Amino acid sequence: MRRLRLGISMGEPHGVGPELILRSIYENPFLKEIDIVLYGYPNVFSFHHNHLVKGKKTPWKEIRSIHDIPKNRREHSLYLINTATAKWGYKPGNSDRESALEAFSALKTSASDLIQKNIQALVTAPLEKKNVQQIFPDFTGHTGYLSQYFPQKTTLMFMVHKNLRIALATEHIPIQKISKSLSAEIFEKKLRTMYESLQKDFGIPQPKIAILGLNPHAGEHGLLGKEEQKYLIPVSEQFKVETQGFIRGPFSADGFFGSAAWKDYDGILSPYHDQGMIPFKLLTQLEGVNYTAGLPVIRTSPAHGTASSLLGTKKARPEAMKEAIKLALELVQNRDHPKHKTSDKTI
């Protein structure tokens, strides 16, 4: 039986990602039971290894390709694929064009291995999108990058922490464009993707889903906006009939989270980024995970940024990275060996 392979991309070299990757691996002996493949610039990982455990030899075997991992007996369970684009004398500092290029190279190689099924899941450390965009203008982030390989699929930014799961119907767009970016068709696709992910990825055959309103007080019956009546309510009702599922809403977001009603649902669909992300981060305290739902491949990421100001201080918390690794492995297990569980939400 082939050992499970988990890929982890370096992210921004001048961020805390590489440090948190190594801390998560070093502090979790269980991970020795699988193959972990790091993607990135060797000097970056070596710097953080020496900073964390001075005087100890680096525990990984450096390779040029995933195909260099031996198929049978092996002495290592941790590998580093060198994705360097040029010689670079790494020193901690500010993100720039050079570091963005190396971050993107790590993502590109790891994504290729993921799509070709050379690894079963990918965890991506945060990178600086604005710097990558200076080199690749069409780059919108990890989710968008992976989505381009599966144009027929509807992807979903799914924020996860234990039993709290918040999906975003729209992602990184200006507030003024949110309403025009949503429609009955788009909303239905996002709702369906969420429903199917809760079934397939999280093993909940009959998930209980809450829909949040777009406008204040969920539109107040049309007084504060028409989007709820126009498509949020009709689509939700039609989908509920089709699936015979438990779909409720739209709810006013402030009351929904303020009353802790979120605890009653397996998943929550939020129309826009900040409406879902603010309560998520307040409730998860930097331990949340960003999962790209809707794809045939598995990708997770810690739900925080590069935190470059904490580089080298050892003050960055590794919980989100640990949770991203844990969730990735759970999703692989759930897809390979489905075990349906009954929703534990009682309404």
C-alpha atoms as a PDB file:
ATOM      1  CA  MET A   1       0.000   0.000   0.000  1.00  0.00           C
ATOM      2  CA  ARG A   2       1.426   3.368  -1.023  1.00  0.00           C
ATOM      3  CA  ARG A   3       2.217   5.753   1.817  1.00  0.00           C
ATOM      4  CA  LEU A   4       0.204   8.936   1.955  1.00  0.00           C
ATOM      5  CA  ARG A   5       2.065  11.957   0.599  1.00  0.00           C
ATOM      6  CA  LEU A   6       1.330  15.442   1.825  1.00  0.00           C
ATOM      7  CA  GLY A   7       2.808  18.442   0.030  1.00  0.00           C
ATOM      8  CA  ILE A   8       3.489  21.774   1.752  1.00  0.00           C
ATOM      9  CA  SER A   9       4.471  24.860  -0.259  1.00  0.00           C
ATOM     10  CA  MET A  10       6.815  27.449   1.241  1.00  0.00           C
ATOM     11  CA  GLY A  11       4.736  30.578   0.755  1.00  0.00           C
ATOM     12  CA  GLU A  12       6.344  34.000   1.214  1.00  0.00           C
ATOM     13  CA  PRO A  13      10.028  33.503   2.192  1.00  0.00           C
ATOM     14  CA  HIS A  14       9.962  36.693   4.277  1.00  0.00           C
ATOM     15  CA  GLY A  15       6.845  35.599   6.160  1.00  0.00           C
ATOM     16  CA  VAL A  16       6.339  33.198   9.059  1.00  0.00           C
ATOM     17  CA  GLY A  17       5.133  30.365   6.833  1.00  0.00           C
ATOM     18  CA  PRO A  18       8.415  28.408   6.575  1.00  0.00           C
ATOM     19  CA  GLU A  19       8.993  28.648  10.336  1.00  0.00           C
ATOM     20  CA  LEU A  20       5.463  27.478  11.141  1.00  0.00           C
ATOM     21  CA  ILE A  21       5.740  24.616   8.661  1.00  0.00           C
ATOM     22  CA  LEU A  22       8.843  23.284  10.406  1.00  0.00           C
ATOM     23  CA  ARG A  23       7.433  23.803  13.894  1.00  0.00           C
ATOM     24  CA  SER A  24       4.261  21.940  12.930  1.00  0.00           C
ATOM     25  CA  ILE A  25       6.296  19.006  11.637  1.00  0.00           C
ATOM     26  CA  TYR A  26       8.809  18.907  14.484  1.00  0.00           C
ATOM     27  CA  GLU A  27       6.089  19.086  17.139  1.00  0.00           C
ATOM     28  CA  ASN A  28       3.967  16.286  15.664  1.00  0.00           C
ATOM     29  CA  PRO A  29       5.640  12.840  15.767  1.00  0.00           C
ATOM     30  CA  PHE A  30       2.620  11.283  14.005  1.00  0.00           C
ATOM     31  CA  LEU A  31       3.658  12.943  10.763  1.00  0.00           C
ATOM     32  CA  LYS A  32       6.621  10.569  10.531  1.00  0.00           C
ATOM     33  CA  GLU A  33       4.112   7.920   9.455  1.00  0.00           C
ATOM     34  CA  ILE A  34       3.508   9.674   6.129  1.00  0.00           C
ATOM     35  CA  ASP A  35       5.675  11.246   3.452  1.00  0.00           C
ATOM     36  CA  ILE A  36       5.836  15.016   3.724  1.00  0.00           C
ATOM     37  CA  VAL A  37       7.169  16.885   0.709  1.00  0.00           C
ATOM     38  CA  LEU A  38       8.235  20.496   1.198  1.00  0.00           C
ATOM     39  CA  TYR A  39       8.383  22.769  -1.836  1.00  0.00           C
ATOM     40  CA  GLY A  40      10.593  25.835  -1.798  1.00  0.00           C
ATOM     41  CA  TYR A  41      14.011  27.410  -1.587  1.00  0.00           C
ATOM     42  CA  PRO A  42      16.376  25.252   0.521  1.00  0.00           C
ATOM     43  CA  ASN A  43      18.183  28.190   2.126  1.00  0.00           C
ATOM     44  CA  VAL A  44      14.906  29.512   3.515  1.00  0.00           C
ATOM     45  CA  PHE A  45      14.041  26.265   5.277  1.00  0.00           C
ATOM     46  CA  SER A  46      17.640  25.801   6.450  1.00  0.00           C
ATOM     47  CA  PHE A  47      17.642  29.288   7.988  1.00  0.00           C
ATOM     48  CA  HIS A  48      14.499  28.567   9.995  1.00  0.00           C
ATOM     49  CA  HIS A  49      15.672  25.095  10.983  1.00  0.00           C
ATOM     50  CA  ASN A  50      18.889  26.541  12.414  1.00  0.00           C
ATOM     51  CA  HIS A  51      16.920  29.258  14.157  1.00  0.00           C
ATOM     52  CA  LEU A  52      14.620  26.698  15.776  1.00  0.00           C
ATOM     53  CA  VAL A  53      17.053  23.883  16.626  1.00  0.00           C
ATOM     54  CA  LYS A  54      20.628  25.111  16.487  1.00  0.00           C
ATOM     55  CA  GLY A  55      23.326  22.529  15.958  1.00  0.00           C
ATOM     56  CA  LYS A  56      21.070  19.801  14.585  1.00  0.00           C
ATOM     57  CA  LYS A  57      21.318  18.484  11.056  1.00  0.00           C
ATOM     58  CA  THR A  58      18.399  19.285   8.765  1.00  0.00           C
ATOM     59  CA  PRO A  59      16.054  16.249   8.838  1.00  0.00           C
ATOM     60  CA  TRP A  60      14.934  16.354   5.221  1.00  0.00           C
ATOM     61  CA  LYS A  61      16.371  14.843   2.074  1.00  0.00           C
ATOM     62  CA  GLU A  62      16.683  17.401  -0.725  1.00  0.00           C
ATOM     63  CA  ILE A  63      15.472  16.184  -4.124  1.00  0.00           C
ATOM     64  CA  ARG A  64      14.787  17.774  -7.499  1.00  0.00           C
ATOM     65  CA  SER A  65      11.568  15.921  -8.334  1.00  0.00           C
ATOM     66  CA  ILE A  66       8.788  13.982  -6.644  1.00  0.00           C
ATOM     67  CA  HIS A  67       9.915  10.989  -8.663  1.00  0.00           C
ATOM     68  CA  ASP A  68      13.204  10.908  -6.723  1.00  0.00           C
ATOM     69  CA  ILE A  69      11.403   9.524  -3.664  1.00  0.00           C
ATOM     70  CA  PRO A  70      12.202   5.792  -3.427  1.00  0.00           C
ATOM     71  CA  LYS A  71       9.225   3.525  -3.947  1.00  0.00           C
ATOM     72  CA  ASN A  72      10.235   0.859  -1.470  1.00  0.00           C
ATOM     73  CA  ARG A  73      12.502   1.008   1.593  1.00  0.00           C
ATOM     74  CA  ARG A  74      13.421   4.517   2.650  1.00  0.00           C
ATOM     75  CA  GLU A  75      15.371   6.295   5.357  1.00  0.00           C
ATOM     76  CA  HIS A  76      13.399   9.527   5.199  1.00  0.00           C
ATOM     77  CA  SER A  77       9.787  10.599   5.552  1.00  0.00           C
ATOM     78  CA  LEU A  78      10.534  14.295   4.997  1.00  0.00           C
ATOM     79  CA  TYR A  79      11.658  15.583   1.613  1.00  0.00           C
ATOM     80  CA  LEU A  80      12.414  19.003   0.189  1.00  0.00           C
ATOM     81  CA  ILE A  81      11.949  19.665  -3.509  1.00  0.00           C
ATOM     82  CA  ASN A  82      14.203  22.504  -4.552  1.00  0.00           C
ATOM     83  CA  THR A  83      12.036  24.896  -6.577  1.00  0.00           C
ATOM     84  CA  ALA A  84      14.610  27.698  -6.754  1.00  0.00           C
ATOM     85  CA  THR A  85      14.500  29.778  -9.903  1.00  0.00           C
ATOM     86  CA  ALA A  86      17.964  31.290  -9.369  1.00  0.00           C
ATOM     87  CA  LYS A  87      20.758  31.515  -6.810  1.00  0.00           C
ATOM     88  CA  TRP A  88      19.589  33.672  -3.955  1.00  0.00           C
ATOM     89  CA  GLY A  89      21.412  34.617  -0.771  1.00  0.00           C
ATOM     90  CA  TYR A  90      18.401  34.529   1.532  1.00  0.00           C
ATOM     91  CA  LYS A  91      18.342  36.962   4.429  1.00  0.00           C
ATOM     92  CA  PRO A  92      15.169  37.816   6.356  1.00  0.00           C
ATOM     93  CA  GLY A  93      13.733  41.110   5.193  1.00  0.00           C
ATOM     94  CA  ASN A  94      10.826  42.580   3.291  1.00  0.00           C
ATOM     95  CA  SER A  95       8.930  40.819   0.559  1.00  0.00           C
ATOM     96  CA  ASP A  96      10.079  41.825  -2.906  1.00  0.00           C
ATOM     97  CA  ARG A  97      10.016  40.655  -6.513  1.00  0.00           C
ATOM     98  CA  GLU A  98      12.643  37.989  -5.882  1.00  0.00           C
ATOM     99  CA  SER A  99      10.849  36.464  -2.904  1.00  0.00           C
ATOM    100  CA  ALA A 100       7.507  36.583  -4.750  1.00  0.00           C
ATOM    101  CA  LEU A 101       9.056  34.705  -7.659  1.00  0.00           C
ATOM    102  CA  GLU A 102      10.333  31.976  -5.342  1.00  0.00           C
ATOM    103  CA  ALA A 103       6.970  31.730  -3.572  1.00  0.00           C
ATOM    104  CA  PHE A 104       5.178  31.343  -6.886  1.00  0.00           C
ATOM    105  CA  SER A 105       7.687  28.754  -8.105  1.00  0.00           C
ATOM    106  CA  ALA A 106       7.002  26.647  -5.000  1.00  0.00           C
ATOM    107  CA  LEU A 107       3.258  26.931  -5.593  1.00  0.00           C
ATOM    108  CA  LYS A 108       3.522  26.098  -9.286  1.00  0.00           C
ATOM    109  CA  THR A 109       5.560  22.934  -8.716  1.00  0.00           C
ATOM    110  CA  SER A 110       3.475  21.709  -5.788  1.00  0.00           C
ATOM    111  CA  ALA A 111       0.203  22.391  -7.624  1.00  0.00           C
ATOM    112  CA  SER A 112       1.470  20.417 -10.607  1.00  0.00           C
ATOM    113  CA  ASP A 113       2.270  17.433  -8.391  1.00  0.00           C
ATOM    114  CA  LEU A 114      -1.143  17.730  -6.740  1.00  0.00           C
ATOM    115  CA  ILE A 115      -3.006  17.771 -10.040  1.00  0.00           C
ATOM    116  CA  GLN A 116      -0.978  14.808 -11.308  1.00  0.00           C
ATOM    117  CA  LYS A 117      -1.803  12.942  -8.066  1.00  0.00           C
ATOM    118  CA  ASN A 118       1.826  12.641  -7.036  1.00  0.00           C
ATOM    119  CA  ILE A 119       0.712  13.997  -3.661  1.00  0.00           C
ATOM    120  CA  GLN A 120      -2.695  13.375  -2.083  1.00  0.00           C
ATOM    121  CA  ALA A 121      -3.132  16.846  -0.588  1.00  0.00           C
ATOM    122  CA  LEU A 122      -1.437  20.239  -0.519  1.00  0.00           C
ATOM    123  CA  VAL A 123      -1.062  22.705   2.336  1.00  0.00           C
ATOM    124  CA  THR A 124      -0.059  26.183   1.173  1.00  0.00           C
ATOM    125  CA  ALA A 125       1.694  28.699   3.402  1.00  0.00           C
ATOM    126  CA  PRO A 126       0.558  32.326   2.931  1.00  0.00           C
ATOM    127  CA  LEU A 127       2.142  34.486   0.234  1.00  0.00           C
ATOM    128  CA  GLU A 128       2.005  38.184  -0.694  1.00  0.00           C
ATOM    129  CA  LYS A 129      -0.526  38.367  -3.527  1.00  0.00           C
ATOM    130  CA  LYS A 130       0.295  41.955  -4.466  1.00  0.00           C
ATOM    131  CA  ASN A 131       3.955  41.110  -5.080  1.00  0.00           C
ATOM    132  CA  VAL A 132       3.128  38.009  -7.101  1.00  0.00           C
ATOM    133  CA  GLN A 133       0.674  40.097  -9.153  1.00  0.00           C
ATOM    134  CA  GLN A 134       3.500  42.422 -10.154  1.00  0.00           C
ATOM    135  CA  ILE A 135       5.053  39.461 -11.964  1.00  0.00           C
ATOM    136  CA  PHE A 136       1.873  37.578 -12.883  1.00  0.00           C
ATOM    137  CA  PRO A 137      -0.947  40.164 -13.167  1.00  0.00           C
ATOM    138  CA  ASP A 138      -3.731  37.567 -13.397  1.00  0.00           C
ATOM    139  CA  PHE A 139      -2.808  35.922 -10.101  1.00  0.00           C
ATOM    140  CA  THR A 140      -5.617  36.257  -7.521  1.00  0.00           C
ATOM    141  CA  GLY A 141      -4.450  33.780  -4.895  1.00  0.00           C
ATOM    142  CA  HIS A 142      -4.147  30.062  -4.220  1.00  0.00           C
ATOM    143  CA  THR A 143      -7.830  29.330  -4.818  1.00  0.00           C
ATOM    144  CA  GLY A 144      -7.922  31.126  -8.153  1.00  0.00           C
ATOM    145  CA  TYR A 145      -4.657  29.557  -9.256  1.00  0.00           C
ATOM    146  CA  LEU A 146      -5.869  26.002  -8.632  1.00  0.00           C
ATOM    147  CA  SER A 147      -9.304  26.758 -10.069  1.00  0.00           C
ATOM    148  CA  GLN A 148      -7.865  27.532 -13.497  1.00  0.00           C
ATOM    149  CA  TYR A 149      -6.952  23.857 -13.891  1.00  0.00           C
ATOM    150  CA  PHE A 150     -10.591  22.880 -13.396  1.00  0.00           C
ATOM    151  CA  PRO A 151     -12.613  25.588 -15.204  1.00  0.00           C
ATOM    152  CA  GLN A 152     -15.763  23.467 -15.192  1.00  0.00           C
ATOM    153  CA  LYS A 153     -15.817  23.313 -11.392  1.00  0.00           C
ATOM    154  CA  THR A 154     -17.381  25.819  -8.981  1.00  0.00           C
ATOM    155  CA  THR A 155     -14.875  26.487  -6.208  1.00  0.00           C
ATOM    156  CA  LEU A 156     -15.675  27.729  -2.755  1.00  0.00           C
ATOM    157  CA  MET A 157     -13.566  29.415  -0.103  1.00  0.00           C
ATOM    158  CA  PHE A 158     -14.494  27.309   2.928  1.00  0.00           C
ATOM    159  CA  MET A 159     -13.298  28.501   6.331  1.00  0.00           C
ATOM    160  CA  VAL A 160     -13.090  25.628   8.797  1.00  0.00           C
ATOM    161  CA  HIS A 161     -12.372  25.240  12.500  1.00  0.00           C
ATOM    162  CA  LYS A 162     -13.663  22.084  14.169  1.00  0.00           C
ATOM    163  CA  ASN A 163     -17.468  22.245  13.747  1.00  0.00           C
ATOM    164  CA  LEU A 164     -17.561  25.837  12.509  1.00  0.00           C
ATOM    165  CA  ARG A 165     -17.644  25.978   8.709  1.00  0.00           C
ATOM    166  CA  ILE A 166     -18.279  29.247   6.860  1.00  0.00           C
ATOM    167  CA  ALA A 167     -18.292  29.386   3.068  1.00  0.00           C
ATOM    168  CA  LEU A 168     -18.007  32.604   1.070  1.00  0.00           C
ATOM    169  CA  ALA A 169     -20.198  33.083  -1.994  1.00  0.00           C
ATOM    170  CA  THR A 170     -17.892  35.888  -3.170  1.00  0.00           C
ATOM    171  CA  GLU A 171     -14.268  36.350  -2.239  1.00  0.00           C
ATOM    172  CA  HIS A 172     -11.723  39.089  -2.836  1.00  0.00           C
ATOM    173  CA  ILE A 173     -13.763  41.768  -4.600  1.00  0.00           C
ATOM    174  CA  PRO A 174     -14.664  45.378  -3.680  1.00  0.00           C
ATOM    175  CA  ILE A 175     -17.849  45.917  -1.660  1.00  0.00           C
ATOM    176  CA  GLN A 176     -19.415  47.916  -4.484  1.00  0.00           C
ATOM    177  CA  LYS A 177     -19.150  44.897  -6.806  1.00  0.00           C
ATOM    178  CA  ILE A 178     -20.649  42.276  -4.483  1.00  0.00           C
ATOM    179  CA  SER A 179     -24.295  42.627  -5.526  1.00  0.00           C
ATOM    180  CA  LYS A 180     -23.482  42.612  -9.243  1.00  0.00           C
ATOM    181  CA  SER A 181     -21.217  39.593  -8.778  1.00  0.00           C
ATOM    182  CA  LEU A 182     -24.038  37.492  -7.362  1.00  0.00           C
ATOM    183  CA  SER A 183     -26.993  36.047  -9.240  1.00  0.00           C
ATOM    184  CA  ALA A 184     -29.458  33.215  -8.799  1.00  0.00           C
ATOM    185  CA  GLU A 185     -27.264  30.958 -10.948  1.00  0.00           C
ATOM    186  CA  ILE A 186     -24.035  31.756  -9.109  1.00  0.00           C
ATOM    187  CA  PHE A 187     -25.618  31.509  -5.687  1.00  0.00           C
ATOM    188  CA  GLU A 188     -27.161  28.126  -6.544  1.00  0.00           C
ATOM    189  CA  LYS A 189     -23.770  26.800  -7.685  1.00  0.00           C
ATOM    190  CA  LYS A 190     -22.087  27.986  -4.486  1.00  0.00           C
ATOM    191  CA  LEU A 191     -24.828  26.469  -2.325  1.00  0.00           C
ATOM    192  CA  ARG A 192     -24.626  23.164  -4.186  1.00  0.00           C
ATOM    193  CA  THR A 193     -20.835  23.079  -3.894  1.00  0.00           C
ATOM    194  CA  MET A 194     -21.095  23.657  -0.156  1.00  0.00           C
ATOM    195  CA  TYR A 195     -23.786  21.010   0.275  1.00  0.00           C
ATOM    196  CA  GLU A 196     -21.808  18.407  -1.677  1.00  0.00           C
ATOM    197  CA  SER A 197     -18.566  19.235   0.164  1.00  0.00           C
ATOM    198  CA  LEU A 198     -20.237  18.756   3.532  1.00  0.00           C
ATOM    199  CA  GLN A 199     -21.410  15.361   2.313  1.00  0.00           C
ATOM    200  CA  LYS A 200     -18.248  14.139   0.571  1.00  0.00           C
ATOM    201  CA  ASP A 201     -15.452  15.881   2.466  1.00  0.00           C
ATOM    202  CA  PHE A 202     -16.924  16.046   5.954  1.00  0.00           C
ATOM    203  CA  GLY A 203     -19.063  12.913   5.876  1.00  0.00           C
ATOM    204  CA  ILE A 204     -22.404  14.551   6.753  1.00  0.00           C
ATOM    205  CA  PRO A 205     -25.084  12.995   4.490  1.00  0.00           C
ATOM    206  CA  GLN A 206     -27.845  15.433   5.525  1.00  0.00           C
ATOM    207  CA  PRO A 207     -26.064  18.686   6.469  1.00  0.00           C
ATOM    208  CA  LYS A 208     -27.880  21.557   8.138  1.00  0.00           C
ATOM    209  CA  ILE A 209     -27.076  24.804   6.329  1.00  0.00           C
ATOM    210  CA  ALA A 210     -27.727  28.426   7.246  1.00  0.00           C
ATOM    211  CA  ILE A 211     -27.852  31.208   4.642  1.00  0.00           C
ATOM    212  CA  LEU A 212     -26.867  34.740   5.661  1.00  0.00           C
ATOM    213  CA  GLY A 213     -28.565  37.763   4.105  1.00  0.00           C
ATOM    214  CA  LEU A 214     -26.645  40.195   1.953  1.00  0.00           C
ATOM    215  CA  ASN A 215     -28.270  43.355   3.303  1.00  0.00           C
ATOM    216  CA  PRO A 216     -28.651  44.630   6.895  1.00  0.00           C
ATOM    217  CA  HIS A 217     -31.356  42.661   8.721  1.00  0.00           C
ATOM    218  CA  ALA A 218     -31.473  40.323   5.695  1.00  0.00           C
ATOM    219  CA  GLY A 219     -33.143  43.075   3.670  1.00  0.00           C
ATOM    220  CA  GLU A 220     -36.030  43.696   6.109  1.00  0.00           C
ATOM    221  CA  HIS A 221     -38.557  42.160   3.670  1.00  0.00           C
ATOM    222  CA  GLY A 222     -37.261  44.268   0.798  1.00  0.00           C
ATOM    223  CA  LEU A 223     -37.042  47.605   2.624  1.00  0.00           C
ATOM    224  CA  LEU A 224     -33.231  47.522   2.839  1.00  0.00           C
ATOM    225  CA  GLY A 225     -32.453  45.704  -0.388  1.00  0.00           C
ATOM    226  CA  LYS A 226     -34.022  43.323  -2.878  1.00  0.00           C
ATOM    227  CA  GLU A 227     -31.338  40.628  -3.224  1.00  0.00           C
ATOM    228  CA  GLU A 228     -32.897  38.377  -0.601  1.00  0.00           C
ATOM    229  CA  GLN A 229     -36.281  38.331  -2.369  1.00  0.00           C
ATOM    230  CA  LYS A 230     -34.693  38.294  -5.797  1.00  0.00           C
ATOM    231  CA  TYR A 231     -32.549  35.176  -5.467  1.00  0.00           C
ATOM    232  CA  LEU A 232     -31.381  34.237  -1.938  1.00  0.00           C
ATOM    233  CA  ILE A 233     -34.812  33.058  -0.776  1.00  0.00           C
ATOM    234  CA  PRO A 234     -36.056  31.512  -4.075  1.00  0.00           C
ATOM    235  CA  VAL A 235     -32.825  29.597  -4.681  1.00  0.00           C
ATOM    236  CA  SER A 236     -32.672  28.369  -1.075  1.00  0.00           C
ATOM    237  CA  GLU A 237     -36.287  27.175  -1.185  1.00  0.00           C
ATOM    238  CA  GLN A 238     -35.866  25.454  -4.539  1.00  0.00           C
ATOM    239  CA  PHE A 239     -32.670  23.749  -3.416  1.00  0.00           C
ATOM    240  CA  LYS A 240     -34.345  22.614  -0.203  1.00  0.00           C
ATOM    241  CA  VAL A 241     -37.138  20.980  -2.201  1.00  0.00           C
ATOM    242  CA  GLU A 242     -34.717  19.342  -4.638  1.00  0.00           C
ATOM    243  CA  THR A 243     -32.444  17.854  -1.975  1.00  0.00           C
ATOM    244  CA  GLN A 244     -35.051  17.498   0.787  1.00  0.00           C
ATOM    245  CA  GLY A 245     -32.313  19.132   2.806  1.00  0.00           C
ATOM    246  CA  PHE A 246     -32.249  21.303   5.906  1.00  0.00           C
ATOM    247  CA  ILE A 247     -31.675  24.827   4.562  1.00  0.00           C
ATOM    248  CA  ARG A 248     -32.620  27.875   6.647  1.00  0.00           C
ATOM    249  CA  GLY A 249     -32.370  31.622   6.157  1.00  0.00           C
ATOM    250  CA  PRO A 250     -31.507  34.158   5.069  1.00  0.00           C
ATOM    251  CA  PHE A 251     -30.530  35.317   8.541  1.00  0.00           C
ATOM    252  CA  SER A 252     -29.332  38.724   9.653  1.00  0.00           C
ATOM    253  CA  ALA A 253     -25.627  38.113  10.251  1.00  0.00           C
ATOM    254  CA  ASP A 254     -25.321  40.220  13.411  1.00  0.00           C
ATOM    255  CA  GLY A 255     -28.130  38.434  15.224  1.00  0.00           C
ATOM    256  CA  PHE A 256     -27.090  35.044  13.873  1.00  0.00           C
ATOM    257  CA  PHE A 257     -23.593  35.204  15.327  1.00  0.00           C
ATOM    258  CA  GLY A 258     -24.532  37.364  18.303  1.00  0.00           C
ATOM    259  CA  SER A 259     -27.001  34.741  19.514  1.00  0.00           C
ATOM    260  CA  ALA A 260     -24.569  31.868  18.814  1.00  0.00           C
ATOM    261  CA  ALA A 261     -27.078  30.377  16.350  1.00  0.00           C
ATOM    262  CA  TRP A 262     -24.092  29.232  14.265  1.00  0.00           C
ATOM    263  CA  LYS A 263     -23.675  26.329  16.691  1.00  0.00           C
ATOM    264  CA  ASP A 264     -26.878  24.804  15.333  1.00  0.00           C
ATOM    265  CA  TYR A 265     -25.580  24.358  11.773  1.00  0.00           C
ATOM    266  CA  ASP A 266     -23.045  22.189   9.943  1.00  0.00           C
ATOM    267  CA  GLY A 267     -22.295  24.944   7.437  1.00  0.00           C
ATOM    268  CA  ILE A 268     -22.980  28.643   6.889  1.00  0.00           C
ATOM    269  CA  LEU A 269     -23.035  30.361   3.497  1.00  0.00           C
ATOM    270  CA  SER A 270     -22.055  34.032   3.605  1.00  0.00           C
ATOM    271  CA  PRO A 271     -22.623  36.295   0.561  1.00  0.00           C
ATOM    272  CA  TYR A 272     -19.386  38.248   0.998  1.00  0.00           C
ATOM    273  CA  HIS A 273     -15.906  38.097   2.467  1.00  0.00           C
ATOM    274  CA  ASP A 274     -15.899  40.287   5.575  1.00  0.00           C
ATOM    275  CA  GLN A 275     -19.361  39.204   6.692  1.00  0.00           C
ATOM    276  CA  GLY A 276     -18.075  35.655   7.087  1.00  0.00           C
ATOM    277  CA  MET A 277     -14.423  36.268   7.871  1.00  0.00           C
ATOM    278  CA  ILE A 278     -14.813  38.681  10.795  1.00  0.00           C
ATOM    279  CA  PRO A 279     -16.882  36.344  12.997  1.00  0.00           C
ATOM    280  CA  PHE A 280     -14.804  33.371  11.851  1.00  0.00           C
ATOM    281  CA  LYS A 281     -11.536  34.915  12.996  1.00  0.00           C
ATOM    282  CA  LEU A 282     -13.037  36.215  16.212  1.00  0.00           C
ATOM    283  CA  LEU A 283     -14.369  32.768  17.062  1.00  0.00           C
ATOM    284  CA  THR A 284     -11.335  30.733  16.007  1.00  0.00           C
ATOM    285  CA  GLN A 285      -8.564  32.924  17.476  1.00  0.00           C
ATOM    286  CA  LEU A 286      -6.009  32.368  14.700  1.00  0.00           C
ATOM    287  CA  GLU A 287      -6.569  28.613  14.571  1.00  0.00           C
ATOM    288  CA  GLY A 288      -8.777  28.528  11.477  1.00  0.00           C
ATOM    289  CA  VAL A 289      -8.162  26.882   8.119  1.00  0.00           C
ATOM    290  CA  ASN A 290      -8.983  27.935   4.562  1.00  0.00           C
ATOM    291  CA  TYR A 291     -10.114  24.972   2.457  1.00  0.00           C
ATOM    292  CA  THR A 292     -10.751  25.168  -1.295  1.00  0.00           C
ATOM    293  CA  ALA A 293     -13.952  23.167  -1.736  1.00  0.00           C
ATOM    294  CA  GLY A 294     -15.388  22.021  -5.058  1.00  0.00           C
ATOM    295  CA  LEU A 295     -12.194  20.650  -6.614  1.00  0.00           C
ATOM    296  CA  PRO A 296     -11.183  17.020  -7.214  1.00  0.00           C
ATOM    297  CA  VAL A 297      -7.939  17.827  -5.352  1.00  0.00           C
ATOM    298  CA  ILE A 298      -7.436  18.805  -1.696  1.00  0.00           C
ATOM    299  CA  ARG A 299      -5.805  22.082  -0.693  1.00  0.00           C
ATOM    300  CA  THR A 300      -5.805  23.744   2.727  1.00  0.00           C
ATOM    301  CA  SER A 301      -4.034  26.752   4.187  1.00  0.00           C
ATOM    302  CA  PRO A 302      -3.793  28.471   7.564  1.00  0.00           C
ATOM    303  CA  ALA A 303      -6.348  31.284   7.740  1.00  0.00           C
ATOM    304  CA  HIS A 304      -3.860  34.061   8.352  1.00  0.00           C
ATOM    305  CA  GLY A 305      -1.456  36.181   6.341  1.00  0.00           C
ATOM    306  CA  THR A 306       2.311  36.214   6.009  1.00  0.00           C
ATOM    307  CA  ALA A 307       2.813  38.089   9.328  1.00  0.00           C
ATOM    308  CA  SER A 308       6.200  39.330   8.166  1.00  0.00           C
ATOM    309  CA  SER A 309       6.584  41.526  11.252  1.00  0.00           C
ATOM    310  CA  LEU A 310       6.847  38.347  13.366  1.00  0.00           C
ATOM    311  CA  LEU A 311       9.578  36.790  11.241  1.00  0.00           C
ATOM    312  CA  GLY A 312      12.357  35.442  13.441  1.00  0.00           C
ATOM    313  CA  THR A 313      10.685  36.409  16.720  1.00  0.00           C
ATOM    314  CA  LYS A 314       9.254  32.946  17.507  1.00  0.00           C
ATOM    315  CA  LYS A 315       6.039  34.759  18.482  1.00  0.00           C
ATOM    316  CA  ALA A 316       3.988  33.459  15.563  1.00  0.00           C
ATOM    317  CA  ARG A 317       1.522  30.777  16.612  1.00  0.00           C
ATOM    318  CA  PRO A 318       1.624  27.459  14.701  1.00  0.00           C
ATOM    319  CA  GLU A 319      -1.911  26.298  15.580  1.00  0.00           C
ATOM    320  CA  ALA A 320      -3.470  27.283  12.243  1.00  0.00           C
ATOM    321  CA  MET A 321      -0.728  25.537  10.271  1.00  0.00           C
ATOM    322  CA  LYS A 322      -1.122  22.431  12.419  1.00  0.00           C
ATOM    323  CA  GLU A 323      -4.875  22.521  11.869  1.00  0.00           C
ATOM    324  CA  ALA A 324      -4.401  22.969   8.098  1.00  0.00           C
ATOM    325  CA  ILE A 325      -2.211  19.852   8.006  1.00  0.00           C
ATOM    326  CA  LYS A 326      -4.657  17.935  10.190  1.00  0.00           C
ATOM    327  CA  LEU A 327      -7.663  18.902   8.071  1.00  0.00           C
ATOM    328  CA  ALA A 328      -5.894  18.010   4.825  1.00  0.00           C
ATOM    329  CA  LEU A 329      -5.187  14.511   6.139  1.00  0.00           C
ATOM    330  CA  GLU A 330      -8.768  14.131   7.401  1.00  0.00           C
ATOM    331  CA  LEU A 331     -10.172  15.134   4.011  1.00  0.00           C
ATOM    332  CA  VAL A 332      -7.972  12.576   2.254  1.00  0.00           C
ATOM    333  CA  GLN A 333      -9.237   9.928   4.657  1.00  0.00           C
ATOM    334  CA  ASN A 334     -12.882  10.981   4.222  1.00  0.00           C
ATOM    335  CA  ARG A 335     -12.661  10.844   0.428  1.00  0.00           C
ATOM    336  CA  ASP A 336     -10.775   7.552   0.318  1.00  0.00           C
ATOM    337  CA  HIS A 337     -12.796   5.826   3.029  1.00  0.00           C
ATOM    338  CA  PRO A 338     -16.191   7.526   3.376  1.00  0.00           C
ATOM    339  CA  LYS A 339     -17.730   7.222   6.829  1.00  0.00           C
ATOM    340  CA  HIS A 340     -21.028   9.022   6.993  1.00  0.00           C
ATOM    341  CA  LYS A 341     -21.987  10.565  10.297  1.00  0.00           C
ATOM    342  CA  THR A 342     -25.288  12.024  11.388  1.00  0.00           C
ATOM    343  CA  SER A 343     -25.380  15.753  11.898  1.00  0.00           C
ATOM    344  CA  ASP A 344     -24.971  16.554  15.591  1.00  0.00           C
ATOM    345  CA  LYS A 345     -26.898  19.838  15.219  1.00  0.00           C
ATOM    346  CA  THR A 346     -30.253  19.802  16.973  1.00  0.00           C
ATOM    347  CA  ILE A 347     -32.795  22.350  15.775  1.00  0.00           C
END
